[in-house]
Each structure stands twice: as C-alpha cells, then as structure tokens.
Amino acid sequence: MTLTKIVNSKLLAMLIGAWVAYCASVGDYDGAVFLLFFYSLMLWDYGTKKATESDASDGNK
C-alpha cells in the first residue's frame, strides 16, 4: 500500500482520533501529542510530494 492511500485512509484517521481521545482521557498527553505530530508529518510529506508532482506536470504541457 502506498503512502498516499495510508494518509488518505479515513479508517486510519478515525483510529488515530480514537486513540488520541483515549490517551487524553487517561491523562497520557505524550502519546496523544506524538500521534498527532507523526500524522501531521505524514500529511505534510504527502502535500509536499503532491505539490512537486503537480509542478512537474505543469511544465510538460
């Protein structure tokens, strides 16, 4: 499975959200912050790759 499918997965986003909610309810904010940071890095990397690919395709016209 490619990174694009993993990042855009609604199931993964729901699971991360549920785990973050659980961590916050238990009081373990380190786990919640780490997961949000890690997921935001994956989204940022996906956005950067997507922008680079669209820039490259614009030049080929």
Protein backbone atom coordinates (compact mmCIF):
# COMPACT_ATOMS: atom_id res chain seq x y z
CA MET A 1 0.00 0.00 0.00
CA THR A 2 1.36 3.37 -0.90
CA LEU A 3 1.80 6.28 1.47
CA THR A 4 -0.95 8.16 -0.36
CA LYS A 5 -3.54 5.51 0.44
CA ILE A 6 -2.39 5.29 4.05
CA VAL A 7 -2.51 9.06 4.63
CA ASN A 8 -5.90 9.44 2.95
CA SER A 9 -7.39 6.48 4.82
CA LYS A 10 -10.47 7.51 6.77
CA LEU A 11 -10.12 4.39 8.90
CA LEU A 12 -6.59 5.36 9.95
CA ALA A 13 -7.72 8.89 10.78
CA MET A 14 -10.59 7.51 12.87
CA LEU A 15 -8.30 5.08 14.72
CA ILE A 16 -5.74 7.80 15.45
CA GLY A 17 -8.51 10.11 16.64
CA ALA A 18 -9.94 7.41 18.91
CA TRP A 19 -6.50 6.63 20.34
CA VAL A 20 -5.77 10.33 20.92
CA ALA A 21 -9.12 10.69 22.69
CA TYR A 22 -8.31 7.65 24.84
CA CYS A 23 -4.84 9.00 25.68
CA ALA A 24 -6.32 12.37 26.59
CA SER A 25 -9.00 10.80 28.79
CA VAL A 26 -6.43 8.70 30.64
CA GLY A 27 -4.13 11.71 31.03
CA ASP A 28 -1.26 10.42 28.89
CA TYR A 29 -0.82 13.52 26.76
CA ASP A 30 2.60 12.41 25.48
CA GLY A 31 1.05 9.62 23.43
CA ALA A 32 -1.65 11.88 22.04
CA VAL A 33 0.78 14.63 21.07
CA PHE A 34 3.20 12.15 19.49
CA LEU A 35 0.48 10.59 17.33
CA LEU A 36 -0.82 13.96 16.19
CA PHE A 37 2.72 15.11 15.39
CA PHE A 38 3.52 11.91 13.48
CA TYR A 39 0.27 12.07 11.47
CA SER A 40 0.82 15.74 10.66
CA LEU A 41 4.31 14.88 9.39
CA MET A 42 2.80 12.23 7.11
CA LEU A 43 0.24 14.76 5.82
CA TRP A 44 2.94 17.39 5.28
CA ASP A 45 5.13 14.93 3.38
CA TYR A 46 2.17 13.88 1.23
CA GLY A 47 1.32 17.52 0.49
CA THR A 48 4.91 18.29 -0.45
CA LYS A 49 5.12 15.33 -2.82
CA LYS A 50 1.74 16.20 -4.35
CA ALA A 51 2.81 19.81 -4.97
CA THR A 52 6.11 18.69 -6.50
CA GLU A 53 4.35 16.26 -8.84
CA SER A 54 1.82 18.88 -9.97
CA ASP A 55 4.62 21.41 -10.60
CA ALA A 56 6.45 18.87 -12.73
CA SER A 57 3.34 18.03 -14.72
CA ASP A 58 2.61 21.72 -15.39
CA GLY A 59 5.96 22.13 -17.11
CA ASN A 60 5.29 19.31 -19.54
CA LYS A 61 2.33 21.00 -21.22
